[in-house]
Amino acid sequence: MLQNAKLLTAPIFLALVAACASHAVSDVQITEIEPDALPSSVTEAIAAERADFTIEEVLQKIRDGRTYYDVEGEIADGSELEFDVLMGDDGSAEIVEIQRDLEWSEIPAEVQVQALIASDGVLPVRIIESVQTDGAVIYELFAEGNPADPAYEVRVHAGEVETLSERWIH
């Protein structure tokens, strides 16, 4: 009897998970655009931050009523970066984070400790470092089989290290 109950609840659970996943994806409109179609305020903001940055790919994302441009490319040494730029209603552009992929060995020891606690000892398969405009650094840590959203995030700011209970806004 108990085994039949488990068999009946499994499809319901999977349907709920699928519904939640599809809801999260539908909240964001993503459009690939050509780099030369970027608003000049975006390219100017990036050039002011990293004059040696070459734009390779651009995604426009509309999420929660805000328009972002995810601008991927390389700096002169060949390192890959991504600038997340928030568009203001007045056409101004603000870099809200600068991202790069890191290896486990490249993240600070205190972040490794928080990550191991949050994941019950399972190493992430991908790590993104996101430098915020307030000086904070968010480490987005991804679990096997879930490449779209971080499994957890660790924030480092003003000497404090914390595992976030909610996804960081940008």
Protein backbone atom coordinates (compact mmCIF):
# COMPACT_ATOMS: atom_id res chain seq x y z
CA MET A 1 0.00 0.00 0.00
CA LEU A 2 2.77 2.44 0.95
CA GLN A 3 4.67 1.62 -2.23
CA ASN A 4 1.55 2.41 -4.33
CA ALA A 5 1.21 5.74 -2.54
CA LYS A 6 4.84 6.56 -3.42
CA LEU A 7 4.21 5.65 -7.05
CA LEU A 8 1.17 7.93 -7.15
CA THR A 9 2.90 10.89 -5.50
CA ALA A 10 6.03 10.75 -7.68
CA PRO A 11 4.27 11.99 -10.87
CA ILE A 12 2.55 14.77 -8.90
CA PHE A 13 5.90 15.85 -7.44
CA LEU A 14 7.54 15.82 -10.87
CA ALA A 15 4.67 17.84 -12.35
CA LEU A 16 5.04 20.45 -9.60
CA VAL A 17 8.80 20.68 -10.19
CA ALA A 18 8.25 21.07 -13.93
CA ALA A 19 5.61 23.75 -13.36
CA CYS A 20 7.95 25.71 -11.10
CA ALA A 21 10.80 25.41 -13.59
CA SER A 22 8.70 26.54 -16.51
CA HIS A 23 7.33 29.46 -14.49
CA ALA A 24 10.83 30.74 -13.72
CA VAL A 25 11.88 30.57 -17.36
CA SER A 26 8.77 32.37 -18.62
CA ASP A 27 9.49 35.36 -16.36
CA VAL A 28 12.50 36.34 -18.49
CA GLN A 29 12.37 37.37 -22.13
CA ILE A 30 15.72 36.73 -23.81
CA THR A 31 16.68 38.03 -27.25
CA GLU A 32 20.05 37.68 -28.92
CA ILE A 33 21.11 40.92 -30.60
CA GLU A 34 24.06 41.96 -32.73
CA PRO A 35 26.81 43.84 -30.87
CA ASP A 36 26.46 46.83 -33.18
CA ALA A 37 22.78 47.10 -32.17
CA LEU A 38 23.70 47.86 -28.54
CA PRO A 39 22.67 51.28 -27.26
CA SER A 40 25.71 53.58 -27.22
CA SER A 41 25.31 54.13 -23.48
CA VAL A 42 26.00 50.41 -22.94
CA THR A 43 29.17 50.35 -25.05
CA GLU A 44 30.38 53.58 -23.44
CA ALA A 45 29.86 52.21 -19.91
CA ILE A 46 31.80 49.05 -20.76
CA ALA A 47 34.61 50.96 -22.49
CA ALA A 48 34.96 53.18 -19.41
CA GLU A 49 35.37 50.06 -17.25
CA ARG A 50 37.57 47.96 -19.61
CA ALA A 51 38.89 49.73 -22.69
CA ASP A 52 40.51 46.47 -23.89
CA PHE A 53 37.20 44.56 -23.98
CA THR A 54 36.04 43.12 -27.31
CA ILE A 55 32.31 42.37 -27.54
CA GLU A 56 31.49 38.95 -28.98
CA GLU A 57 27.88 38.17 -28.02
CA VAL A 58 24.94 40.10 -26.58
CA LEU A 59 21.70 38.98 -24.96
CA GLN A 60 18.94 41.38 -24.07
CA LYS A 61 17.00 40.18 -21.04
CA ILE A 62 13.78 41.68 -19.77
CA ARG A 63 13.14 40.51 -16.23
CA ASP A 64 10.78 41.95 -13.60
CA GLY A 65 10.20 45.04 -15.76
CA ARG A 66 13.94 45.77 -16.04
CA THR A 67 16.01 45.59 -19.23
CA TYR A 68 19.49 44.12 -19.00
CA TYR A 69 22.17 43.51 -21.58
CA ASP A 70 24.46 40.54 -20.96
CA VAL A 71 27.54 41.46 -22.97
CA GLU A 72 30.10 38.67 -23.39
CA GLY A 73 33.58 38.97 -24.80
CA GLU A 74 37.30 38.96 -24.12
CA ILE A 75 39.90 41.29 -22.74
CA ALA A 76 43.34 41.72 -24.33
CA ASP A 77 44.90 38.73 -22.52
CA GLY A 78 42.18 36.40 -23.88
CA SER A 79 40.26 36.11 -20.60
CA GLU A 80 36.50 35.93 -21.00
CA LEU A 81 34.26 38.40 -19.17
CA GLU A 82 30.57 39.19 -19.11
CA PHE A 83 29.18 42.59 -18.25
CA ASP A 84 25.59 42.74 -17.00
CA VAL A 85 24.31 46.19 -17.80
CA LEU A 86 21.01 47.61 -16.51
CA MET A 87 19.24 50.13 -18.73
CA GLY A 88 17.62 53.09 -17.05
CA ASP A 89 14.29 54.48 -18.19
CA ASP A 90 16.21 57.55 -19.38
CA GLY A 91 18.51 55.47 -21.63
CA SER A 92 21.41 55.50 -19.21
CA ALA A 93 23.41 52.32 -18.70
CA GLU A 94 24.76 51.02 -15.40
CA ILE A 95 27.09 48.04 -15.07
CA VAL A 96 25.57 46.03 -12.23
CA GLU A 97 28.04 43.17 -12.28
CA ILE A 98 31.10 41.84 -14.03
CA GLN A 99 31.25 38.07 -14.29
CA ARG A 100 33.84 35.44 -15.05
CA ASP A 101 34.02 31.67 -14.68
CA LEU A 102 36.42 30.30 -12.08
CA GLU A 103 37.77 26.92 -11.07
CA TRP A 104 37.25 25.58 -7.54
CA SER A 105 40.91 26.25 -6.70
CA GLU A 106 40.53 29.93 -7.66
CA ILE A 107 37.83 30.84 -5.15
CA PRO A 108 38.76 32.03 -1.65
CA ALA A 109 39.02 29.40 1.10
CA GLU A 110 36.20 30.98 3.14
CA VAL A 111 33.91 30.71 0.11
CA GLN A 112 34.90 27.07 -0.34
CA VAL A 113 33.92 26.37 3.29
CA GLN A 114 30.48 28.01 2.85
CA ALA A 115 29.97 26.17 -0.44
CA LEU A 116 30.76 22.80 1.10
CA ILE A 117 28.35 23.48 3.96
CA ALA A 118 25.58 24.59 1.59
CA SER A 119 26.04 21.57 -0.69
CA ASP A 120 26.57 18.88 1.95
CA GLY A 121 30.12 18.43 0.67
CA VAL A 122 29.35 18.17 -3.06
CA LEU A 123 31.64 20.27 -5.25
CA PRO A 124 29.96 22.56 -7.79
CA VAL A 125 30.33 21.81 -11.50
CA ARG A 126 30.53 25.50 -12.41
CA ILE A 127 31.42 28.66 -10.52
CA ILE A 128 30.75 32.21 -11.64
CA GLU A 129 32.31 35.15 -9.82
CA SER A 130 30.14 38.29 -10.04
CA VAL A 131 31.72 41.54 -8.91
CA GLN A 132 29.00 43.97 -7.82
CA THR A 133 29.08 47.76 -7.98
CA ASP A 134 28.97 48.00 -4.16
CA GLY A 135 32.21 46.02 -3.87
CA ALA A 136 30.53 42.76 -2.95
CA VAL A 137 31.44 39.56 -4.78
CA ILE A 138 28.77 36.93 -5.38
CA TYR A 139 29.90 33.40 -6.14
CA GLU A 140 27.24 31.53 -8.08
CA LEU A 141 27.70 27.78 -7.61
CA PHE A 142 26.00 25.33 -9.97
CA ALA A 143 25.07 21.71 -9.28
CA GLU A 144 25.31 18.81 -11.73
CA GLY A 145 22.28 18.70 -14.05
CA ASN A 146 21.14 22.29 -13.40
CA PRO A 147 23.07 24.65 -15.68
CA ALA A 148 20.47 27.44 -15.77
CA ASP A 149 20.30 28.52 -12.13
CA PRO A 150 22.86 28.41 -9.35
CA ALA A 151 22.16 25.83 -6.65
CA TYR A 152 23.33 28.38 -4.09
CA GLU A 153 25.22 31.65 -3.90
CA VAL A 154 27.86 32.89 -1.48
CA ARG A 155 28.32 36.63 -0.92
CA VAL A 156 31.55 38.23 0.27
CA HIS A 157 31.32 41.86 1.36
CA ALA A 158 33.20 43.99 3.87
CA GLY A 159 34.94 40.95 5.33
CA GLU A 160 31.70 39.01 5.83
CA VAL A 161 30.96 35.71 4.05
CA GLU A 162 27.40 34.41 3.85
CA THR A 163 25.40 31.86 1.94
CA LEU A 164 22.41 33.70 0.48
CA SER A 165 18.92 32.42 1.23
CA GLU A 166 17.48 34.13 -1.90
CA ARG A 167 18.90 34.59 -5.37
CA TRP A 168 20.84 37.83 -5.82
CA ILE A 169 18.81 40.42 -7.73
CA HIS A 170 21.14 40.85 -10.72
